[in-house]
Protein backbone atom coordinates (compact mmCIF):
# COMPACT_ATOMS: atom_id res chain seq x y z
CA MET A 1 41.66 46.68 37.14
CA ILE A 2 41.27 50.19 38.50
CA GLN A 3 39.10 52.15 36.12
CA LEU A 4 39.64 55.86 35.99
CA PRO A 5 37.83 57.46 33.15
CA THR A 6 39.71 60.22 31.39
CA ARG A 7 36.93 62.84 31.09
CA ARG A 8 37.25 66.51 30.45
CA ASP A 9 34.68 68.51 32.41
CA GLU A 10 33.95 71.47 30.24
CA ALA A 11 31.82 73.06 32.92
CA THR A 12 34.69 73.36 35.34
CA HIS A 13 37.48 73.84 32.77
CA HIS A 14 39.22 77.25 32.92
CA ARG A 15 41.46 78.70 30.15
CA PHE A 16 44.75 80.21 31.22
CA ASP A 17 44.83 84.06 31.17
CA ASP A 18 48.37 85.51 31.17
CA ALA A 19 47.05 88.52 33.06
CA GLN A 20 45.96 86.36 36.04
CA THR A 21 48.49 87.20 38.68
CA ASP A 22 46.50 86.88 41.98
CA LEU A 23 47.31 83.44 43.17
CA TRP A 24 44.63 83.71 45.78
CA ALA A 25 41.65 84.63 43.66
CA PHE A 26 40.33 81.03 43.34
CA GLU A 27 40.55 80.51 47.16
CA ARG A 28 39.05 83.75 47.96
CA ARG A 29 36.09 83.07 45.68
CA LEU A 30 35.56 79.67 47.20
CA HIS A 31 35.99 80.86 50.76
CA GLN A 32 33.27 83.51 50.10
CA ALA A 33 31.09 80.61 48.87
CA ASN A 34 31.56 78.87 52.30
CA TYR A 35 34.08 76.42 51.22
CA HIS A 36 36.79 76.54 53.80
CA LEU A 37 38.99 73.45 53.34
CA VAL A 38 40.11 74.00 49.65
CA ALA A 39 42.78 71.65 48.37
CA GLY A 40 44.98 72.21 45.50
CA VAL A 41 46.08 69.04 43.69
CA ASP A 42 48.99 68.57 41.31
CA GLU A 43 51.59 66.06 40.02
CA ALA A 44 55.25 65.72 39.10
CA GLY A 45 56.80 63.19 36.82
CA ARG A 46 54.64 62.59 33.77
CA GLY A 47 57.43 63.12 31.28
CA PRO A 48 60.34 61.12 32.69
CA LEU A 49 61.43 57.71 31.36
CA ALA A 50 61.98 56.30 34.73
CA GLY A 51 60.57 56.49 38.33
CA PRO A 52 57.07 57.13 39.67
CA VAL A 53 54.63 59.82 39.05
CA VAL A 54 53.95 61.69 42.34
CA SER A 55 50.89 63.65 43.23
CA ALA A 56 50.34 66.08 46.11
CA ALA A 57 47.26 67.75 47.58
CA VAL A 58 47.58 70.77 50.01
CA ILE A 59 45.06 72.72 51.96
CA LEU A 60 46.47 76.07 52.84
CA PRO A 61 45.21 78.23 55.74
CA PRO A 62 43.00 81.11 54.50
CA ASP A 63 44.52 83.63 56.75
CA ASP A 64 48.24 82.82 56.58
CA ALA A 65 49.46 83.53 53.07
CA ILE A 66 52.84 81.80 52.30
CA PRO A 67 55.05 84.25 50.38
CA GLY A 68 56.93 83.20 47.30
CA LEU A 69 54.43 80.53 46.20
CA ASN A 70 54.83 79.83 42.42
CA ASP A 71 54.82 77.03 39.82
CA SER A 72 57.52 74.66 40.98
CA LYS A 73 59.08 74.65 37.59
CA LYS A 74 59.84 78.39 37.93
CA LEU A 75 61.75 78.09 41.20
CA SER A 76 65.36 77.12 41.89
CA PRO A 77 65.92 73.80 43.73
CA ALA A 78 66.96 75.80 46.84
CA ARG A 79 63.85 77.93 46.76
CA ARG A 80 61.70 74.83 46.27
CA ALA A 81 63.35 73.06 49.20
CA GLY A 82 62.74 76.09 51.43
CA LEU A 83 59.00 76.40 50.46
CA PHE A 84 58.58 72.64 50.81
CA GLU A 85 59.49 72.98 54.39
CA THR A 86 57.27 76.03 54.94
CA ILE A 87 54.37 74.36 53.33
CA GLN A 88 54.65 71.24 55.58
CA GLN A 89 54.79 73.47 58.56
CA ARG A 90 51.91 75.79 57.80
CA ALA A 91 49.49 73.88 55.66
CA LEU A 92 46.30 72.63 57.25
CA ALA A 93 46.83 69.24 55.50
CA VAL A 94 49.27 67.75 53.05
CA GLY A 95 48.84 64.40 51.24
CA VAL A 96 51.28 62.77 48.94
CA ALA A 97 51.02 59.59 46.83
CA ALA A 98 53.20 57.87 44.26
CA VAL A 99 52.29 55.44 41.39
CA ASP A 100 55.34 53.38 40.27
CA ALA A 101 56.59 52.62 36.78
CA ARG A 102 55.05 49.07 36.68
CA GLU A 103 51.50 50.53 37.32
CA ILE A 104 52.21 53.47 34.80
CA ASP A 105 52.96 50.80 32.22
CA ARG A 106 49.88 48.96 33.03
CA ILE A 107 47.32 51.80 32.98
CA ASN A 108 49.15 54.54 31.10
CA ILE A 109 50.65 57.65 32.43
CA LEU A 110 47.42 59.82 32.33
CA GLN A 111 45.55 57.27 34.34
CA ALA A 112 48.50 56.86 36.67
CA SER A 113 48.58 60.51 37.37
CA LEU A 114 44.92 60.72 38.14
CA LEU A 115 45.21 57.72 40.45
CA ALA A 116 48.06 59.33 42.31
CA MET A 117 46.06 62.46 42.64
CA ARG A 118 42.96 60.67 44.05
CA GLN A 119 45.25 58.78 46.45
CA ALA A 120 46.90 62.02 47.72
CA VAL A 121 43.42 63.69 48.25
CA ALA A 122 42.41 60.54 50.21
CA ARG A 123 45.35 61.07 52.62
CA LEU A 124 44.36 64.65 53.50
CA SER A 125 43.26 65.10 57.17
CA PRO A 126 40.99 66.99 57.60
CA ALA A 127 39.29 66.08 54.39
CA PRO A 128 38.78 68.85 51.83
CA ASP A 129 35.37 70.27 50.83
CA TYR A 130 36.59 71.47 47.47
CA LEU A 131 39.35 70.45 44.97
CA LEU A 132 41.27 72.58 42.57
CA ILE A 133 43.06 70.30 40.18
CA ASP A 134 45.87 71.21 37.83
CA GLY A 135 45.24 70.47 34.20
CA LYS A 136 42.24 69.64 32.14
CA PHE A 137 40.74 66.67 34.04
CA THR A 138 38.77 66.28 37.12
CA LEU A 139 38.88 63.16 39.24
CA ALA A 140 36.32 60.40 38.95
CA GLU A 141 34.74 58.49 41.76
CA THR A 142 34.71 61.44 44.12
CA THR A 143 31.85 63.30 45.47
CA THR A 144 33.89 66.36 46.59
CA PRO A 145 33.12 69.42 44.51
CA GLN A 146 35.98 70.14 42.13
CA GLU A 147 37.16 71.98 39.16
CA ALA A 148 40.17 71.61 36.76
CA VAL A 149 42.36 74.63 36.24
CA VAL A 150 44.69 74.66 33.22
CA LYS A 151 48.18 75.87 34.31
CA GLY A 152 46.81 75.99 37.88
CA ASP A 153 50.29 75.83 39.39
CA ALA A 154 50.95 79.29 37.94
CA ARG A 155 47.40 80.65 38.89
CA CYS A 156 46.31 79.22 42.22
CA ALA A 157 48.20 79.20 45.49
CA ALA A 158 46.99 75.82 46.56
CA ILE A 159 47.99 74.20 43.38
CA ALA A 160 51.34 75.96 43.43
CA ALA A 161 51.93 74.59 46.90
CA ALA A 162 50.94 71.13 45.74
CA SER A 163 53.32 71.37 42.75
CA ILE A 164 56.20 72.09 45.14
CA ILE A 165 55.36 69.28 47.47
CA ALA A 166 54.99 66.81 44.52
CA LYS A 167 58.23 68.03 42.72
CA VAL A 168 60.49 68.00 45.85
CA SER A 169 59.00 64.58 46.94
CA ARG A 170 59.68 63.06 43.58
CA ASP A 171 63.20 64.51 43.27
CA ARG A 172 64.12 62.95 46.68
CA LEU A 173 62.76 59.64 45.61
CA MET A 174 64.86 59.76 42.46
CA GLN A 175 67.93 60.77 44.52
CA GLY A 176 67.39 57.53 46.46
CA TYR A 177 67.07 55.46 43.25
CA HIS A 178 70.33 56.83 42.18
CA GLU A 179 71.94 55.19 45.18
CA THR A 180 70.64 51.77 43.81
CA TYR A 181 71.22 52.44 40.11
CA PRO A 182 74.08 54.85 39.92
CA ALA A 183 74.93 54.22 36.30
CA PHE A 184 71.86 56.11 35.05
CA GLY A 185 72.51 59.47 36.86
CA PHE A 186 69.06 59.79 38.33
CA ASP A 187 70.45 62.29 40.90
CA ARG A 188 71.10 64.69 38.02
CA HIS A 189 68.08 64.30 35.54
CA LYS A 190 65.55 62.69 37.78
CA GLY A 191 64.61 60.27 35.21
CA TYR A 192 63.85 62.79 32.42
CA PRO A 193 64.92 61.95 28.75
CA THR A 194 68.20 63.79 28.80
CA ARG A 195 71.01 62.91 26.28
CA SER A 196 73.05 61.27 29.10
CA HIS A 197 70.09 59.30 30.44
CA LYS A 198 69.24 57.98 26.97
CA ALA A 199 72.86 56.99 26.37
CA ALA A 200 72.93 55.17 29.67
CA ILE A 201 69.75 53.13 28.79
CA ALA A 202 71.37 52.28 25.38
CA ALA A 203 74.59 51.14 27.12
CA TYR A 204 73.17 49.25 30.00
CA GLY A 205 69.50 48.48 29.12
CA PRO A 206 66.53 49.61 31.34
CA CYS A 207 66.72 49.02 35.08
CA PRO A 208 63.63 48.09 37.10
CA ILE A 209 62.29 51.57 37.56
CA HIS A 210 62.26 52.39 33.82
CA ARG A 211 58.84 52.87 32.09
CA ARG A 212 58.89 50.01 29.60
CA SER A 213 55.89 51.40 27.68
CA PHE A 214 57.80 54.65 26.91
CA ARG A 215 59.58 55.51 23.83
CA GLY A 216 63.29 55.77 24.62
CA VAL A 217 62.95 52.73 26.83
CA LYS A 218 60.92 50.06 24.98
CA GLU A 219 63.38 50.05 22.01
CA HIS A 220 66.10 48.75 24.40
CA LEU A 221 64.12 45.88 25.91
CA THR A 222 65.53 42.41 25.43
CA PRO A 223 63.01 40.15 23.79
CA CYS A 224 61.85 37.23 25.99
């Protein structure tokens, strides 16, 4: 079994400051400390009842700021899609990884999110020399220097870029699942627990991509 300890690193834990508006402050500090390949890491899909959790890791060029970067949740779908293409074209490296519903049920959603993050980082080429990770947790089993940044997708350019890559990548996966399981409306809610989604689960029972350990799904499982 994959063991990913859930540990909070107080030494590298940053509290969110609403006055923080300079998205490049983290990267600037690290570049001045001679870290040149700084990767932002974020995930999308912790809350849905169905589908994978998707993580992305992005290394942005230090001298080529991408305008309009922001937390993916604050952007319209059209704006996210445009920035997704721009990031893919201009980033020094992009890594994406997904952990499916079965593995989420096996190891829990937090562990699955951290696993997807670690896999996304492993897919970066060139490899990063520093990690900025959205949330409260750092990644176990890595020797790369790292820090956790609470609400990092609204505070750090590289994490904001990773949030966009993760969100758009997951939305596209869920659009594909809609073609296979059209009764559930995955093209609309992307697996999140909307009223219509919960009604569909009650009417048809869970499909293969539903997270069976989640409330809202497990109540509708047919006993063996």
